[in-house]
Amino acid sequence: MECHHIVPEEADGEDTFENCIPVCFDCHADMRSYDFKHPKGNKYTESELRLHRDRWYEKVAAGGGLAPRPEHVEVDKEVFAEFQRVVPYFPTFDYLKGRNFAGFAFETAPLDPLFKYAHYSDRPEYEFLDPEPESARAAFVDAVRRFSVGIGQNTWTAGRVGVQTVPPEWEETQPERFYRVVKELHEAVDGVEAAYRALIRA
């Protein structure tokens, strides 16, 4: 864990616990997830960061997961079952396997479970009490949000509602952008699937 200034030092953020949020090394390196002014990322506000931090502190203070109580395990079993119901492996990941975004159209309906879960992921009933699966869940949501941003910014309707594509004409008119976007989408899909598997294992 590392300490991150909620209000950056260059914006006169103080070196105080109130202005601090603990984050993992990877999240600290990826500051676009936390910098509200950055054009990419989740753009958490200062108050949202403090709320997430304080909720996490409450879990830790309550003994969150170091020695889970039987009732915590039962709650987490229900949360896990609901996650598998809302985001089943089939058809979403079967559909994404081998999906080629290089100018080929794709249906958005199989992706809806991912995007809906990420949209409602802040609901307390979706949170695990045990820190390990909760951390894995947060990583999954972050991966889905990145994929969603890539789809939203770089694909357009392909002739009918519910079908999107990276504009195939970019391959000729904007080849650098075309191949960068395709690569980013493929990497985002790999990241979502890896995060899903990590959550299931956790």
N, C-alpha and C. Protein backbone atom coordinates (compact mmCIF):
# COMPACT_ATOMS: atom_id res chain seq x y z
N MET A 1 0.85 -1.20 0.00
CA MET A 1 0.00 0.00 0.00
C MET A 1 0.88 1.24 0.00
N GLU A 2 0.36 2.27 -0.66
CA GLU A 2 1.04 3.56 -0.68
C GLU A 2 0.02 4.64 -0.32
N CYS A 3 0.53 5.79 0.10
CA CYS A 3 -0.34 6.91 0.47
C CYS A 3 -0.43 7.88 -0.68
N HIS A 4 -1.66 8.27 -1.01
CA HIS A 4 -1.90 9.20 -2.11
C HIS A 4 -2.60 10.44 -1.58
N HIS A 5 -2.14 11.62 -2.03
CA HIS A 5 -2.81 12.87 -1.68
C HIS A 5 -4.14 12.96 -2.43
N ILE A 6 -5.22 13.14 -1.70
CA ILE A 6 -6.53 13.34 -2.34
C ILE A 6 -6.53 14.66 -3.09
N VAL A 7 -6.14 15.72 -2.42
CA VAL A 7 -5.87 17.00 -3.08
C VAL A 7 -4.37 17.04 -3.32
N PRO A 8 -3.93 17.06 -4.58
CA PRO A 8 -2.49 16.98 -4.88
C PRO A 8 -1.69 18.10 -4.21
N GLU A 9 -0.42 17.80 -3.95
CA GLU A 9 0.45 18.79 -3.33
C GLU A 9 0.55 20.06 -4.17
N GLU A 10 0.58 19.88 -5.52
CA GLU A 10 0.70 21.06 -6.38
C GLU A 10 -0.55 21.93 -6.34
N ALA A 11 -1.66 21.38 -5.79
CA ALA A 11 -2.88 22.16 -5.60
C ALA A 11 -3.04 22.54 -4.13
N ASP A 12 -1.90 22.62 -3.42
CA ASP A 12 -1.85 22.99 -2.00
C ASP A 12 -2.50 21.95 -1.09
N GLY A 13 -2.47 20.68 -1.53
CA GLY A 13 -2.95 19.61 -0.66
C GLY A 13 -2.00 19.40 0.51
N GLU A 14 -2.56 19.21 1.69
CA GLU A 14 -1.75 19.10 2.90
C GLU A 14 -1.28 17.66 3.13
N ASP A 15 -0.17 17.53 3.87
CA ASP A 15 0.34 16.22 4.27
C ASP A 15 -0.35 15.82 5.57
N THR A 16 -1.64 15.46 5.46
CA THR A 16 -2.41 15.09 6.64
C THR A 16 -3.15 13.79 6.36
N PHE A 17 -3.58 13.13 7.42
CA PHE A 17 -4.35 11.90 7.25
C PHE A 17 -5.68 12.19 6.56
N GLU A 18 -6.25 13.36 6.81
CA GLU A 18 -7.52 13.71 6.19
C GLU A 18 -7.40 13.85 4.68
N ASN A 19 -6.20 14.21 4.22
CA ASN A 19 -5.97 14.39 2.79
C ASN A 19 -5.28 13.16 2.18
N CYS A 20 -5.37 12.04 2.85
CA CYS A 20 -4.65 10.84 2.42
C CYS A 20 -5.63 9.70 2.15
N ILE A 21 -5.32 8.92 1.11
CA ILE A 21 -6.05 7.68 0.87
C ILE A 21 -5.03 6.60 0.55
N PRO A 22 -5.11 5.45 1.23
CA PRO A 22 -4.19 4.36 0.90
C PRO A 22 -4.63 3.67 -0.39
N VAL A 23 -3.70 3.47 -1.30
CA VAL A 23 -3.98 2.79 -2.56
C VAL A 23 -2.88 1.78 -2.82
N CYS A 24 -3.19 0.77 -3.63
CA CYS A 24 -2.17 -0.22 -3.97
C CYS A 24 -1.18 0.41 -4.96
N PHE A 25 -0.05 -0.25 -5.15
CA PHE A 25 1.01 0.27 -6.01
C PHE A 25 0.50 0.52 -7.43
N ASP A 26 -0.25 -0.46 -7.98
CA ASP A 26 -0.73 -0.32 -9.36
C ASP A 26 -1.68 0.86 -9.52
N CYS A 27 -2.61 1.01 -8.57
CA CYS A 27 -3.55 2.13 -8.66
C CYS A 27 -2.83 3.46 -8.48
N HIS A 28 -1.82 3.48 -7.62
CA HIS A 28 -1.07 4.72 -7.42
C HIS A 28 -0.31 5.08 -8.69
N ALA A 29 0.17 4.07 -9.40
CA ALA A 29 0.88 4.33 -10.66
C ALA A 29 -0.08 4.80 -11.75
N ASP A 30 -1.33 4.40 -11.65
CA ASP A 30 -2.33 4.74 -12.66
C ASP A 30 -3.18 5.90 -12.15
N MET A 31 -2.60 7.07 -12.05
CA MET A 31 -3.30 8.17 -11.39
C MET A 31 -4.50 8.70 -12.16
N ARG A 32 -4.64 8.29 -13.44
CA ARG A 32 -5.81 8.76 -14.18
C ARG A 32 -7.10 8.24 -13.57
N SER A 33 -7.01 7.14 -12.77
CA SER A 33 -8.21 6.62 -12.12
C SER A 33 -8.67 7.52 -10.98
N TYR A 34 -7.76 8.37 -10.48
CA TYR A 34 -8.07 9.15 -9.30
C TYR A 34 -8.06 10.65 -9.55
N ASP A 35 -7.40 11.06 -10.64
CA ASP A 35 -7.27 12.48 -10.93
C ASP A 35 -8.53 12.98 -11.62
N PHE A 36 -9.30 13.79 -10.92
CA PHE A 36 -10.57 14.27 -11.47
C PHE A 36 -10.35 15.12 -12.72
N LYS A 37 -9.19 15.76 -12.84
CA LYS A 37 -8.93 16.63 -13.98
C LYS A 37 -8.43 15.86 -15.20
N HIS A 38 -8.03 14.61 -15.00
CA HIS A 38 -7.48 13.84 -16.12
C HIS A 38 -8.61 13.45 -17.08
N PRO A 39 -8.37 13.50 -18.40
CA PRO A 39 -9.46 13.20 -19.35
C PRO A 39 -9.91 11.75 -19.35
N LYS A 40 -9.10 10.85 -18.81
CA LYS A 40 -9.49 9.45 -18.75
C LYS A 40 -9.71 9.03 -17.31
N GLY A 41 -10.23 7.83 -17.13
CA GLY A 41 -10.35 7.28 -15.79
C GLY A 41 -11.70 7.51 -15.15
N ASN A 42 -11.80 7.14 -13.87
CA ASN A 42 -13.08 7.18 -13.17
C ASN A 42 -13.45 8.58 -12.70
N LYS A 43 -12.46 9.46 -12.58
CA LYS A 43 -12.71 10.85 -12.19
C LYS A 43 -13.45 10.93 -10.86
N TYR A 44 -12.93 10.27 -9.84
CA TYR A 44 -13.52 10.38 -8.52
C TYR A 44 -13.34 11.79 -7.99
N THR A 45 -14.39 12.32 -7.38
CA THR A 45 -14.26 13.62 -6.73
C THR A 45 -13.57 13.42 -5.38
N GLU A 46 -13.16 14.52 -4.79
CA GLU A 46 -12.50 14.45 -3.48
C GLU A 46 -13.44 13.81 -2.45
N SER A 47 -14.71 14.20 -2.49
CA SER A 47 -15.66 13.66 -1.51
C SER A 47 -15.89 12.16 -1.73
N GLU A 48 -15.92 11.74 -3.01
CA GLU A 48 -16.08 10.31 -3.30
C GLU A 48 -14.88 9.51 -2.78
N LEU A 49 -13.69 10.04 -2.99
CA LEU A 49 -12.49 9.34 -2.50
C LEU A 49 -12.52 9.22 -0.98
N ARG A 50 -12.91 10.30 -0.32
CA ARG A 50 -12.97 10.25 1.15
C ARG A 50 -14.04 9.26 1.62
N LEU A 51 -15.18 9.22 0.91
CA LEU A 51 -16.24 8.28 1.27
C LEU A 51 -15.76 6.84 1.13
N HIS A 52 -15.12 6.51 -0.02
CA HIS A 52 -14.59 5.16 -0.22
C HIS A 52 -13.56 4.83 0.87
N ARG A 53 -12.67 5.78 1.14
CA ARG A 53 -11.65 5.56 2.16
C ARG A 53 -12.27 5.30 3.52
N ASP A 54 -13.22 6.14 3.91
CA ASP A 54 -13.82 6.01 5.23
C ASP A 54 -14.60 4.70 5.38
N ARG A 55 -15.28 4.29 4.30
CA ARG A 55 -15.99 3.00 4.35
C ARG A 55 -15.01 1.85 4.52
N TRP A 56 -13.87 1.96 3.85
CA TRP A 56 -12.86 0.90 3.98
C TRP A 56 -12.28 0.90 5.39
N TYR A 57 -12.02 2.08 5.94
CA TYR A 57 -11.52 2.16 7.32
C TYR A 57 -12.50 1.51 8.29
N GLU A 58 -13.80 1.73 8.07
CA GLU A 58 -14.82 1.12 8.93
C GLU A 58 -14.75 -0.40 8.87
N LYS A 59 -14.55 -0.93 7.65
CA LYS A 59 -14.45 -2.39 7.51
C LYS A 59 -13.24 -2.93 8.25
N VAL A 60 -12.12 -2.22 8.12
CA VAL A 60 -10.91 -2.67 8.79
C VAL A 60 -11.09 -2.59 10.30
N ALA A 61 -11.68 -1.50 10.78
CA ALA A 61 -11.90 -1.33 12.21
C ALA A 61 -12.82 -2.42 12.78
N ALA A 62 -13.73 -2.92 11.94
CA ALA A 62 -14.66 -3.96 12.39
C ALA A 62 -14.06 -5.35 12.23
N GLY A 63 -12.78 -5.41 11.91
CA GLY A 63 -12.13 -6.72 11.76
C GLY A 63 -12.37 -7.31 10.40
N GLY A 64 -12.47 -6.44 9.39
CA GLY A 64 -12.88 -6.86 8.05
C GLY A 64 -12.07 -7.92 7.39
N GLY A 65 -12.21 -9.16 7.77
CA GLY A 65 -11.69 -10.24 6.96
C GLY A 65 -10.46 -10.93 7.47
N LEU A 66 -9.76 -10.36 8.47
CA LEU A 66 -8.57 -11.04 8.95
C LEU A 66 -8.96 -12.35 9.62
N ALA A 67 -10.04 -12.33 10.34
CA ALA A 67 -10.58 -13.55 10.93
C ALA A 67 -12.09 -13.51 10.70
N PRO A 68 -12.54 -13.87 9.50
CA PRO A 68 -13.95 -13.67 9.17
C PRO A 68 -14.89 -14.45 10.08
N ARG A 69 -15.94 -13.80 10.44
CA ARG A 69 -16.95 -14.44 11.28
C ARG A 69 -17.83 -15.31 10.39
N PRO A 70 -18.44 -16.35 10.95
CA PRO A 70 -19.30 -17.22 10.14
C PRO A 70 -20.40 -16.46 9.41
N GLU A 71 -20.98 -15.44 10.06
CA GLU A 71 -22.04 -14.69 9.41
C GLU A 71 -21.50 -13.87 8.23
N HIS A 72 -20.23 -13.45 8.31
CA HIS A 72 -19.61 -12.74 7.19
C HIS A 72 -19.46 -13.67 5.99
N VAL A 73 -19.05 -14.89 6.27
CA VAL A 73 -18.86 -15.87 5.20
C VAL A 73 -20.19 -16.13 4.49
N GLU A 74 -21.26 -16.24 5.26
CA GLU A 74 -22.57 -16.48 4.67
C GLU A 74 -23.01 -15.31 3.80
N VAL A 75 -22.76 -14.10 4.29
CA VAL A 75 -23.11 -12.91 3.49
C VAL A 75 -22.32 -12.91 2.19
N ASP A 76 -21.02 -13.19 2.28
CA ASP A 76 -20.17 -13.17 1.09
C ASP A 76 -20.55 -14.27 0.10
N LYS A 77 -21.04 -15.39 0.60
CA LYS A 77 -21.52 -16.45 -0.30
C LYS A 77 -22.71 -15.94 -1.12
N GLU A 78 -23.59 -15.20 -0.46
CA GLU A 78 -24.75 -14.65 -1.16
C GLU A 78 -24.32 -13.59 -2.18
N VAL A 79 -23.36 -12.75 -1.80
CA VAL A 79 -22.86 -11.71 -2.71
C VAL A 79 -22.22 -12.37 -3.93
N PHE A 80 -21.46 -13.44 -3.70
CA PHE A 80 -20.80 -14.14 -4.80
C PHE A 80 -21.82 -14.79 -5.74
N ALA A 81 -22.83 -15.41 -5.16
CA ALA A 81 -23.88 -16.04 -5.98
C ALA A 81 -24.59 -15.00 -6.83
N GLU A 82 -24.84 -13.83 -6.26
CA GLU A 82 -25.49 -12.76 -7.01
C GLU A 82 -24.57 -12.26 -8.13
N PHE A 83 -23.28 -12.16 -7.84
CA PHE A 83 -22.34 -11.73 -8.88
C PHE A 83 -22.37 -12.71 -10.05
N GLN A 84 -22.34 -14.00 -9.75
CA GLN A 84 -22.36 -15.00 -10.83
C GLN A 84 -23.69 -14.98 -11.60
N ARG A 85 -24.76 -14.62 -10.91
CA ARG A 85 -26.05 -14.52 -11.59
C ARG A 85 -26.08 -13.31 -12.53
N VAL A 86 -25.57 -12.18 -12.04
CA VAL A 86 -25.62 -10.94 -12.82
C VAL A 86 -24.59 -10.94 -13.95
N VAL A 87 -23.40 -11.51 -13.68
CA VAL A 87 -22.32 -11.53 -14.68
C VAL A 87 -21.89 -12.98 -14.92
N PRO A 88 -22.70 -13.78 -15.59
CA PRO A 88 -22.30 -15.17 -15.85
C PRO A 88 -21.21 -15.23 -16.91
N TYR A 89 -20.40 -16.26 -16.85
CA TYR A 89 -19.32 -16.40 -17.84
C TYR A 89 -19.91 -16.53 -19.25
N PHE A 90 -20.97 -17.33 -19.34
CA PHE A 90 -21.66 -17.49 -20.63
C PHE A 90 -22.91 -16.62 -20.61
N PRO A 91 -23.21 -15.80 -21.60
CA PRO A 91 -22.57 -15.77 -22.91
C PRO A 91 -21.47 -14.72 -23.08
N THR A 92 -21.32 -13.85 -22.06
CA THR A 92 -20.45 -12.68 -22.26
C THR A 92 -19.03 -13.05 -22.67
N PHE A 93 -18.37 -13.88 -21.86
CA PHE A 93 -16.96 -14.15 -22.15
C PHE A 93 -16.78 -15.12 -23.31
N ASP A 94 -17.74 -16.02 -23.49
CA ASP A 94 -17.70 -16.86 -24.69
C ASP A 94 -17.77 -16.00 -25.94
N TYR A 95 -18.60 -14.96 -25.86
CA TYR A 95 -18.75 -14.05 -27.01
C TYR A 95 -17.46 -13.25 -27.25
N LEU A 96 -16.83 -12.83 -26.16
CA LEU A 96 -15.63 -12.00 -26.29
C LEU A 96 -14.40 -12.79 -26.72
N LYS A 97 -14.39 -14.10 -26.45
CA LYS A 97 -13.22 -14.91 -26.82
C LYS A 97 -12.98 -14.83 -28.31
N GLY A 98 -11.80 -14.42 -28.67
CA GLY A 98 -11.45 -14.37 -30.08
C GLY A 98 -12.13 -13.26 -30.85
N ARG A 99 -12.83 -12.35 -30.15
CA ARG A 99 -13.50 -11.25 -30.83
C ARG A 99 -12.46 -10.34 -31.47
N ASN A 100 -12.66 -10.04 -32.73
CA ASN A 100 -11.71 -9.19 -33.46
C ASN A 100 -12.35 -7.82 -33.68
N PHE A 101 -11.75 -6.80 -33.08
CA PHE A 101 -12.29 -5.45 -33.19
C PHE A 101 -11.70 -4.68 -34.37
N ALA A 102 -10.92 -5.35 -35.19
CA ALA A 102 -10.24 -4.67 -36.30
C ALA A 102 -11.21 -4.39 -37.45
N GLY A 103 -12.17 -3.51 -37.19
CA GLY A 103 -13.11 -3.12 -38.23
C GLY A 103 -14.29 -4.05 -38.40
N PHE A 104 -14.38 -5.08 -37.53
CA PHE A 104 -15.49 -6.02 -37.62
C PHE A 104 -16.58 -5.60 -36.63
N ALA A 105 -17.83 -5.66 -37.05
CA ALA A 105 -18.95 -5.28 -36.20
C ALA A 105 -19.15 -6.30 -35.09
N PHE A 106 -19.66 -5.83 -33.96
CA PHE A 106 -19.95 -6.73 -32.84
C PHE A 106 -21.24 -6.28 -32.18
N GLU A 107 -21.96 -7.25 -31.61
CA GLU A 107 -23.20 -6.97 -30.90
C GLU A 107 -22.89 -6.50 -29.48
N THR A 108 -23.65 -5.55 -29.00
CA THR A 108 -23.41 -5.03 -27.65
C THR A 108 -24.21 -5.78 -26.59
N ALA A 109 -25.28 -6.46 -26.98
CA ALA A 109 -26.14 -7.14 -25.99
C ALA A 109 -25.37 -8.12 -25.10
N PRO A 110 -24.45 -8.95 -25.65
CA PRO A 110 -23.71 -9.86 -24.77
C PRO A 110 -22.82 -9.15 -23.76
N LEU A 111 -22.52 -7.87 -23.99
CA LEU A 111 -21.66 -7.11 -23.09
C LEU A 111 -22.46 -6.39 -22.00
N ASP A 112 -23.78 -6.35 -22.16
CA ASP A 112 -24.63 -5.62 -21.21
C ASP A 112 -24.43 -6.04 -19.76
N PRO A 113 -24.30 -7.35 -19.46
CA PRO A 113 -24.10 -7.72 -18.05
C PRO A 113 -22.87 -7.06 -17.43
N LEU A 114 -21.79 -6.94 -18.21
CA LEU A 114 -20.57 -6.29 -17.71
C LEU A 114 -20.84 -4.84 -17.36
N PHE A 115 -21.42 -4.13 -18.33
CA PHE A 115 -21.59 -2.69 -18.18
C PHE A 115 -22.64 -2.36 -17.12
N LYS A 116 -23.69 -3.16 -17.03
CA LYS A 116 -24.71 -2.92 -16.00
C LYS A 116 -24.14 -3.15 -14.61
N TYR A 117 -23.35 -4.22 -14.47
CA TYR A 117 -22.76 -4.49 -13.15
C TYR A 117 -21.83 -3.36 -12.75
N ALA A 118 -20.99 -2.91 -13.66
CA ALA A 118 -20.06 -1.83 -13.34
C ALA A 118 -20.82 -0.55 -12.98
N HIS A 119 -21.93 -0.31 -13.68
CA HIS A 119 -22.72 0.90 -13.41
C HIS A 119 -23.29 0.89 -12.00
N TYR A 120 -23.74 -0.27 -11.54
CA TYR A 120 -24.37 -0.37 -10.23
C TYR A 120 -23.41 -0.92 -9.16
N SER A 121 -22.13 -0.96 -9.45
CA SER A 121 -21.18 -1.64 -8.57
C SER A 121 -21.00 -0.98 -7.21
N ASP A 122 -21.40 0.29 -7.07
CA ASP A 122 -21.25 0.97 -5.78
C ASP A 122 -22.36 0.61 -4.79
N ARG A 123 -23.31 -0.19 -5.23
CA ARG A 123 -24.37 -0.61 -4.30
C ARG A 123 -23.76 -1.45 -3.18
N PRO A 124 -24.11 -1.17 -1.93
CA PRO A 124 -23.51 -1.92 -0.82
C PRO A 124 -23.81 -3.42 -0.87
N GLU A 125 -24.95 -3.80 -1.44
CA GLU A 125 -25.27 -5.24 -1.49
C GLU A 125 -24.37 -6.00 -2.46
N TYR A 126 -23.60 -5.28 -3.29
CA TYR A 126 -22.65 -5.94 -4.19
C TYR A 126 -21.28 -6.10 -3.56
N GLU A 127 -21.05 -5.52 -2.40
CA GLU A 127 -19.72 -5.53 -1.78
C GLU A 127 -19.51 -6.76 -0.91
N PHE A 128 -18.29 -7.31 -1.02
CA PHE A 128 -17.88 -8.40 -0.14
C PHE A 128 -17.39 -7.82 1.19
N LEU A 129 -17.60 -8.57 2.26
CA LEU A 129 -17.06 -8.16 3.55
C LEU A 129 -15.59 -8.52 3.68
N ASP A 130 -15.21 -9.63 3.07
CA ASP A 130 -13.81 -10.06 3.11
C ASP A 130 -13.00 -9.19 2.15
N PRO A 131 -11.88 -8.63 2.61
CA PRO A 131 -11.11 -7.70 1.77
C PRO A 131 -10.55 -8.32 0.49
N GLU A 132 -10.20 -9.62 0.51
CA GLU A 132 -9.58 -10.21 -0.69
C GLU A 132 -10.53 -10.24 -1.88
N PRO A 133 -11.72 -10.85 -1.76
CA PRO A 133 -12.63 -10.79 -2.91
C PRO A 133 -13.12 -9.37 -3.21
N GLU A 134 -13.23 -8.51 -2.19
CA GLU A 134 -13.65 -7.13 -2.45
C GLU A 134 -12.61 -6.39 -3.28
N SER A 135 -11.34 -6.63 -2.99
CA SER A 135 -10.27 -6.02 -3.78
C SER A 135 -10.31 -6.54 -5.22
N ALA A 136 -10.54 -7.84 -5.37
CA ALA A 136 -10.64 -8.43 -6.71
C ALA A 136 -11.86 -7.89 -7.45
N ARG A 137 -12.94 -7.67 -6.73
CA ARG A 137 -14.14 -7.11 -7.35
C ARG A 137 -13.89 -5.70 -7.83
N ALA A 138 -13.19 -4.90 -7.03
CA ALA A 138 -12.88 -3.52 -7.42
C ALA A 138 -12.01 -3.51 -8.68
N ALA A 139 -11.05 -4.44 -8.75
CA ALA A 139 -10.19 -4.52 -9.94
C ALA A 139 -11.00 -4.91 -11.17
N PHE A 140 -11.98 -5.81 -10.99
CA PHE A 140 -12.85 -6.22 -12.09
C PHE A 140 -13.68 -5.03 -12.59
N VAL A 141 -14.27 -4.29 -11.66
CA VAL A 141 -15.09 -3.14 -12.04
C VAL A 141 -14.25 -2.11 -12.79
N ASP A 142 -13.03 -1.87 -12.30
CA ASP A 142 -12.15 -0.91 -12.96
C ASP A 142 -11.83 -1.36 -14.38
N ALA A 143 -11.56 -2.66 -14.55
CA ALA A 143 -11.25 -3.19 -15.89
C ALA A 143 -12.45 -3.05 -16.83
N VAL A 144 -13.65 -3.31 -16.31
CA VAL A 144 -14.85 -3.17 -17.14
C VAL A 144 -15.07 -1.71 -17.53
N ARG A 145 -14.85 -0.81 -16.59
CA ARG A 145 -15.03 0.61 -16.89
C ARG A 145 -14.06 1.08 -17.97
N ARG A 146 -12.85 0.60 -17.93
CA ARG A 146 -11.88 0.97 -18.97
C ARG A 146 -12.33 0.44 -20.33
N PHE A 147 -12.80 -0.78 -20.35
CA PHE A 147 -13.30 -1.36 -21.59
C PHE A 147 -14.50 -0.55 -22.10
N SER A 148 -15.39 -0.19 -21.19
CA SER A 148 -16.57 0.59 -21.55
C SER A 148 -16.19 1.94 -22.15
N VAL A 149 -15.20 2.60 -21.56
CA VAL A 149 -14.74 3.89 -22.09
C VAL A 149 -14.18 3.70 -23.49
N GLY A 150 -13.41 2.62 -23.71
CA GLY A 150 -12.85 2.35 -25.03
C GLY A 150 -13.94 2.14 -26.07
N ILE A 151 -14.98 1.39 -25.70
CA ILE A 151 -16.10 1.16 -26.61
C ILE A 151 -16.82 2.48 -26.89
N GLY A 152 -17.06 3.24 -25.84
CA GLY A 152 -17.82 4.48 -25.98
C GLY A 152 -17.11 5.54 -26.81
N GLN A 153 -15.79 5.59 -26.70
CA GLN A 153 -15.04 6.64 -27.38
C GLN A 153 -14.60 6.26 -28.79
N ASN A 154 -14.54 4.97 -29.10
CA ASN A 154 -13.89 4.56 -30.34
C ASN A 154 -14.71 3.65 -31.25
N THR A 155 -15.99 3.46 -30.94
CA THR A 155 -16.83 2.66 -31.83
C THR A 155 -18.11 3.42 -32.15
N TRP A 156 -18.68 3.10 -33.30
CA TRP A 156 -19.90 3.74 -33.76
C TRP A 156 -20.90 2.68 -34.18
N THR A 157 -22.16 3.09 -34.29
CA THR A 157 -23.21 2.18 -34.72
C THR A 157 -22.90 1.67 -36.13
N ALA A 158 -23.07 0.36 -36.30
CA ALA A 158 -22.75 -0.27 -37.59
C ALA A 158 -24.03 -0.69 -38.31
N GLY A 159 -24.80 0.29 -38.73
CA GLY A 159 -25.97 -0.02 -39.56
C GLY A 159 -27.26 -0.25 -38.81
N ARG A 160 -27.19 -0.84 -37.60
CA ARG A 160 -28.43 -1.07 -36.85
C ARG A 160 -28.16 -0.96 -35.35
N VAL A 161 -29.21 -0.69 -34.61
CA VAL A 161 -29.09 -0.52 -33.16
C VAL A 161 -28.58 -1.80 -32.53
N GLY A 162 -27.65 -1.64 -31.58
CA GLY A 162 -27.11 -2.80 -30.87
C GLY A 162 -25.92 -3.44 -31.55
N VAL A 163 -25.45 -2.84 -32.62
CA VAL A 163 -24.26 -3.35 -33.31
C VAL A 163 -23.28 -2.19 -33.47
N GLN A 164 -22.06 -2.38 -32.99
CA GLN A 164 -21.04 -1.34 -33.03
C GLN A 164 -19.83 -1.81 -33.83
N THR A 165 -18.98 -0.87 -34.20
CA THR A 165 -17.74 -1.21 -34.88
C THR A 165 -16.73 -0.08 -34.73
N VAL A 166 -15.46 -0.45 -34.70
CA VAL A 166 -14.41 0.54 -34.92
C VAL A 166 -14.51 0.88 -36.40
N PRO A 167 -14.64 2.16 -36.75
CA PRO A 167 -14.85 2.51 -38.17
C PRO A 167 -13.80 1.87 -39.08
N PRO A 168 -14.21 0.96 -39.96
CA PRO A 168 -13.24 0.27 -40.82
C PRO A 168 -12.48 1.22 -41.74
N GLU A 169 -13.09 2.38 -42.07
CA GLU A 169 -12.40 3.31 -42.95
C GLU A 169 -11.16 3.93 -42.29
N TRP A 170 -11.13 3.87 -40.94
CA TRP A 170 -9.94 4.38 -40.25
C TRP A 170 -8.67 3.63 -40.68
N GLU A 171 -8.84 2.36 -41.05
CA GLU A 171 -7.65 1.58 -41.44
C GLU A 171 -6.91 2.25 -42.60
N GLU A 172 -7.65 2.96 -43.45
CA GLU A 172 -7.01 3.65 -44.57
C GLU A 172 -6.80 5.13 -44.27
N THR A 173 -7.80 5.77 -43.63
CA THR A 173 -7.71 7.22 -43.43
C THR A 173 -6.91 7.60 -42.17
N GLN A 174 -6.97 6.75 -41.14
CA GLN A 174 -6.26 7.03 -39.88
C GLN A 174 -5.64 5.73 -39.36
N PRO A 175 -4.72 5.13 -40.10
CA PRO A 175 -4.20 3.80 -39.73
C PRO A 175 -3.58 3.75 -38.34
N GLU A 176 -2.87 4.81 -37.96
CA GLU A 176 -2.25 4.80 -36.64
C GLU A 176 -3.30 4.72 -35.54
N ARG A 177 -4.34 5.54 -35.67
CA ARG A 177 -5.43 5.51 -34.69
C ARG A 177 -6.16 4.17 -34.73
N PHE A 178 -6.42 3.66 -35.91
CA PHE A 178 -7.14 2.40 -36.06
C PHE A 178 -6.44 1.28 -35.30
N TYR A 179 -5.15 1.10 -35.55
CA TYR A 179 -4.44 -0.01 -34.92
C TYR A 179 -4.23 0.21 -33.43
N ARG A 180 -4.08 1.47 -33.02
CA ARG A 180 -3.96 1.75 -31.58
C ARG A 180 -5.26 1.40 -30.87
N VAL A 181 -6.40 1.82 -31.43
CA VAL A 181 -7.70 1.55 -30.81
C VAL A 181 -7.98 0.06 -30.75
N VAL A 182 -7.72 -0.65 -31.85
CA VAL A 182 -7.96 -2.09 -31.88
C VAL A 182 -7.11 -2.79 -30.82
N LYS A 183 -5.84 -2.39 -30.73
CA LYS A 183 -4.94 -2.98 -29.73
C LYS A 183 -5.45 -2.70 -28.31
N GLU A 184 -5.88 -1.47 -28.06
CA GLU A 184 -6.38 -1.11 -26.73
C GLU A 184 -7.64 -1.89 -26.37
N LEU A 185 -8.54 -2.08 -27.34
CA LEU A 185 -9.76 -2.85 -27.06
C LEU A 185 -9.45 -4.31 -26.77
N HIS A 186 -8.53 -4.90 -27.54
CA HIS A 186 -8.15 -6.29 -27.29
C HIS A 186 -7.51 -6.43 -25.91
N GLU A 187 -6.64 -5.49 -25.56
CA GLU A 187 -6.01 -5.52 -24.24
C GLU A 187 -7.04 -5.32 -23.14
N ALA A 188 -8.02 -4.46 -23.38
CA ALA A 188 -9.06 -4.23 -22.38
C ALA A 188 -9.88 -5.49 -22.15
N VAL A 189 -10.21 -6.21 -23.22
CA VAL A 189 -10.95 -7.47 -23.09
C VAL A 189 -10.14 -8.47 -22.28
N ASP A 190 -8.85 -8.59 -22.59
CA ASP A 190 -7.99 -9.50 -21.83
C ASP A 190 -7.96 -9.10 -20.35
N GLY A 191 -7.93 -7.79 -20.09
CA GLY A 191 -7.92 -7.32 -18.71
C GLY A 191 -9.20 -7.64 -17.97
N VAL A 192 -10.33 -7.51 -18.65
CA VAL A 192 -11.62 -7.82 -18.03
C VAL A 192 -11.70 -9.31 -17.71
N GLU A 193 -11.30 -10.15 -18.65
CA GLU A 193 -11.38 -11.59 -18.41
C GLU A 193 -10.43 -12.01 -17.30
N ALA A 194 -9.21 -11.45 -17.29
CA ALA A 194 -8.25 -11.79 -16.23
C ALA A 194 -8.78 -11.37 -14.87
N ALA A 195 -9.40 -10.18 -14.81
CA ALA A 195 -9.95 -9.71 -13.54
C ALA A 195 -11.14 -10.56 -13.10
N TYR A 196 -11.94 -11.00 -14.05
CA TYR A 196 -13.08 -11.89 -13.74
C TYR A 196 -12.57 -13.20 -13.14
N ARG A 197 -11.56 -13.78 -13.78
CA ARG A 197 -11.00 -15.04 -13.29
C ARG A 197 -10.40 -14.87 -11.90
N ALA A 198 -9.72 -13.74 -11.68
CA ALA A 198 -9.11 -13.48 -10.37
C ALA A 198 -10.19 -13.35 -9.30
N LEU A 199 -11.32 -12.72 -9.64
CA LEU A 199 -12.41 -12.59 -8.67
C LEU A 199 -13.03 -13.95 -8.36
N ILE A 200 -13.25 -14.76 -9.38
CA ILE A 200 -13.81 -16.10 -9.15
C ILE A 200 -12.89 -16.91 -8.26
N ARG A 201 -11.59 -16.85 -8.50
CA ARG A 201 -10.63 -17.60 -7.68
C ARG A 201 -10.61 -17.08 -6.25
N ALA A 202 -10.67 -15.74 -6.11
CA ALA A 202 -10.68 -15.15 -4.76
C ALA A 202 -11.91 -15.59 -3.97
